[in-house]
Amino acid sequence: MPPKARIVFVDYPPVVAMTDIVCPKLPLAPWEVAEAAAVADSLAAVTAQAAHATGSVLVQPSQAGKAHTVCSADPWLQGFPGSPPYHPTLAGKQGVADLVVAALR
């Protein structure tokens, strides 16, 4: 009997978007915001390539989370300072969990 396991790649919600304006929870210079967004996009692209290359399920909080960056009204990640900074809030954990469950249905 073949294994019934499914491999799921889950990328990370973005801390910032290119269009974000620096806010008190995000003490970065505008060029640092752009750089952070570019790095996040690159990591999401590599994760997607790995998932597609292996026939795995891909869950993309990187896309769904663009409306939930640190400076948004409903952030999925804590700002700075945070405990720990730039890690998921309760809303972020629930948002990612909902995406995983939906992908596995």
C-alpha atoms as a PDB file:
ATOM      1  CA  MET A   1       0.000   0.000   0.000  1.00  0.00           C
ATOM      2  CA  PRO A   2       1.531   3.359  -0.985  1.00  0.00           C
ATOM      3  CA  PRO A   3       1.949   6.021   1.694  1.00  0.00           C
ATOM      4  CA  LYS A   4      -0.946   8.417   2.112  1.00  0.00           C
ATOM      5  CA  ALA A   5       1.075  11.320   3.457  1.00  0.00           C
ATOM      6  CA  ARG A   6       0.965  14.692   1.725  1.00  0.00           C
ATOM      7  CA  ILE A   7       3.834  17.117   1.929  1.00  0.00           C
ATOM      8  CA  VAL A   8       2.758  20.698   2.567  1.00  0.00           C
ATOM      9  CA  PHE A   9       5.013  23.702   2.072  1.00  0.00           C
ATOM     10  CA  VAL A  10       3.849  26.766   4.001  1.00  0.00           C
ATOM     11  CA  ASP A  11       5.604  30.061   3.374  1.00  0.00           C
ATOM     12  CA  TYR A  12       5.587  33.019   5.765  1.00  0.00           C
ATOM     13  CA  PRO A  13       3.250  36.019   6.014  1.00  0.00           C
ATOM     14  CA  PRO A  14       5.022  39.209   4.958  1.00  0.00           C
ATOM     15  CA  VAL A  15       6.186  41.670   7.598  1.00  0.00           C
ATOM     16  CA  VAL A  16       5.834  44.508   5.105  1.00  0.00           C
ATOM     17  CA  ALA A  17       4.598  45.247   1.619  1.00  0.00           C
ATOM     18  CA  MET A  18       6.369  47.532  -0.854  1.00  0.00           C
ATOM     19  CA  THR A  19       3.543  50.016  -0.397  1.00  0.00           C
ATOM     20  CA  ASP A  20       3.762  50.133   3.406  1.00  0.00           C
ATOM     21  CA  ILE A  21       4.534  53.400   5.079  1.00  0.00           C
ATOM     22  CA  VAL A  22       6.775  53.134   8.111  1.00  0.00           C
ATOM     23  CA  CYS A  23       4.741  53.047  11.319  1.00  0.00           C
ATOM     24  CA  PRO A  24       5.743  52.946  15.015  1.00  0.00           C
ATOM     25  CA  LYS A  25       5.689  49.115  14.950  1.00  0.00           C
ATOM     26  CA  LEU A  26       8.096  49.087  12.001  1.00  0.00           C
ATOM     27  CA  PRO A  27      11.159  51.202  12.760  1.00  0.00           C
ATOM     28  CA  LEU A  28      12.763  50.882   9.328  1.00  0.00           C
ATOM     29  CA  ALA A  29      13.949  53.362   6.742  1.00  0.00           C
ATOM     30  CA  PRO A  30      11.964  53.336   3.466  1.00  0.00           C
ATOM     31  CA  TRP A  31      14.805  51.552   1.653  1.00  0.00           C
ATOM     32  CA  GLU A  32      14.800  48.870   4.386  1.00  0.00           C
ATOM     33  CA  VAL A  33      11.058  48.345   3.878  1.00  0.00           C
ATOM     34  CA  ALA A  34      11.662  47.820   0.157  1.00  0.00           C
ATOM     35  CA  GLU A  35      14.548  45.454   0.863  1.00  0.00           C
ATOM     36  CA  ALA A  36      12.540  43.428   3.400  1.00  0.00           C
ATOM     37  CA  ALA A  37       9.637  43.113   0.948  1.00  0.00           C
ATOM     38  CA  ALA A  38      11.994  41.973  -1.820  1.00  0.00           C
ATOM     39  CA  VAL A  39      13.593  39.326   0.426  1.00  0.00           C
ATOM     40  CA  ALA A  40      10.156  38.050   1.477  1.00  0.00           C
ATOM     41  CA  ASP A  41       9.058  37.805  -2.164  1.00  0.00           C
ATOM     42  CA  SER A  42      12.240  35.890  -3.034  1.00  0.00           C
ATOM     43  CA  LEU A  43      11.735  33.425  -0.171  1.00  0.00           C
ATOM     44  CA  ALA A  44       8.116  32.875  -1.209  1.00  0.00           C
ATOM     45  CA  ALA A  45       9.206  32.221  -4.797  1.00  0.00           C
ATOM     46  CA  VAL A  46      11.802  29.637  -3.733  1.00  0.00           C
ATOM     47  CA  THR A  47       9.268  27.920  -1.491  1.00  0.00           C
ATOM     48  CA  ALA A  48       6.792  27.784  -4.386  1.00  0.00           C
ATOM     49  CA  GLN A  49       9.446  26.320  -6.701  1.00  0.00           C
ATOM     50  CA  ALA A  50      10.258  23.601  -4.166  1.00  0.00           C
ATOM     51  CA  ALA A  51       6.596  22.724  -3.707  1.00  0.00           C
ATOM     52  CA  HIS A  52       5.926  22.560  -7.446  1.00  0.00           C
ATOM     53  CA  ALA A  53       9.117  20.586  -8.157  1.00  0.00           C
ATOM     54  CA  THR A  54       8.124  17.917  -5.647  1.00  0.00           C
ATOM     55  CA  GLY A  55       4.405  17.806  -6.379  1.00  0.00           C
ATOM     56  CA  SER A  56       3.667  19.049  -2.881  1.00  0.00           C
ATOM     57  CA  VAL A  57       0.815  21.197  -1.617  1.00  0.00           C
ATOM     58  CA  LEU A  58       1.664  24.900  -1.426  1.00  0.00           C
ATOM     59  CA  VAL A  59       0.055  27.205   1.131  1.00  0.00           C
ATOM     60  CA  GLN A  60       0.840  30.892   0.657  1.00  0.00           C
ATOM     61  CA  PRO A  61       0.392  33.136   3.677  1.00  0.00           C
ATOM     62  CA  SER A  62       2.806  35.350   1.733  1.00  0.00           C
ATOM     63  CA  GLN A  63      -0.112  36.250  -0.533  1.00  0.00           C
ATOM     64  CA  ALA A  64      -3.017  36.153   1.915  1.00  0.00           C
ATOM     65  CA  GLY A  65      -0.976  38.104   4.465  1.00  0.00           C
ATOM     66  CA  LYS A  66      -0.332  41.106   2.225  1.00  0.00           C
ATOM     67  CA  ALA A  67      -3.407  42.726   3.753  1.00  0.00           C
ATOM     68  CA  HIS A  68      -2.114  41.910   7.242  1.00  0.00           C
ATOM     69  CA  THR A  69       1.383  43.396   7.411  1.00  0.00           C
ATOM     70  CA  VAL A  70       2.782  44.867  10.625  1.00  0.00           C
ATOM     71  CA  CYS A  71       1.424  48.346   9.870  1.00  0.00           C
ATOM     72  CA  SER A  72      -2.040  47.167   8.801  1.00  0.00           C
ATOM     73  CA  ALA A  73      -5.221  47.496  10.853  1.00  0.00           C
ATOM     74  CA  ASP A  74      -5.269  43.688  11.356  1.00  0.00           C
ATOM     75  CA  PRO A  75      -1.622  42.529  11.466  1.00  0.00           C
ATOM     76  CA  TRP A  76      -0.721  38.850  11.337  1.00  0.00           C
ATOM     77  CA  LEU A  77       2.747  39.590  12.749  1.00  0.00           C
ATOM     78  CA  GLN A  78       3.848  41.492  15.813  1.00  0.00           C
ATOM     79  CA  GLY A  79       5.758  44.676  15.287  1.00  0.00           C
ATOM     80  CA  PHE A  80       8.809  45.912  17.086  1.00  0.00           C
ATOM     81  CA  PRO A  81       9.077  45.664  19.951  1.00  0.00           C
ATOM     82  CA  GLY A  82       7.104  42.456  20.189  1.00  0.00           C
ATOM     83  CA  SER A  83       7.319  39.213  22.057  1.00  0.00           C
ATOM     84  CA  PRO A  84       9.091  38.094  19.883  1.00  0.00           C
ATOM     85  CA  PRO A  85       9.120  40.804  17.227  1.00  0.00           C
ATOM     86  CA  TYR A  86       7.923  39.977  13.724  1.00  0.00           C
ATOM     87  CA  HIS A  87       6.415  36.641  14.756  1.00  0.00           C
ATOM     88  CA  PRO A  88       2.754  35.695  14.298  1.00  0.00           C
ATOM     89  CA  THR A  89      -0.007  37.212  16.376  1.00  0.00           C
ATOM     90  CA  LEU A  90      -2.968  35.081  17.425  1.00  0.00           C
ATOM     91  CA  ALA A  91      -4.801  36.380  14.324  1.00  0.00           C
ATOM     92  CA  GLY A  92      -1.798  35.449  12.191  1.00  0.00           C
ATOM     93  CA  LYS A  93      -1.616  31.933  13.590  1.00  0.00           C
ATOM     94  CA  GLN A  94      -5.329  31.478  12.965  1.00  0.00           C
ATOM     95  CA  GLY A  95      -5.069  32.933   9.463  1.00  0.00           C
ATOM     96  CA  VAL A  96      -2.255  30.565   8.498  1.00  0.00           C
ATOM     97  CA  ALA A  97      -4.004  27.578  10.115  1.00  0.00           C
ATOM     98  CA  ASP A  98      -7.180  28.364   8.159  1.00  0.00           C
ATOM     99  CA  LEU A  99      -5.173  28.455   4.916  1.00  0.00           C
ATOM    100  CA  VAL A 100      -3.549  25.081   5.684  1.00  0.00           C
ATOM    101  CA  VAL A 101      -6.869  23.452   6.554  1.00  0.00           C
ATOM    102  CA  ALA A 102      -8.475  24.839   3.389  1.00  0.00           C
ATOM    103  CA  ALA A 103      -5.592  23.524   1.255  1.00  0.00           C
ATOM    104  CA  LEU A 104      -5.943  20.039   2.716  1.00  0.00           C
ATOM    105  CA  ARG A 105      -9.679  19.768   2.138  1.00  0.00           C
END
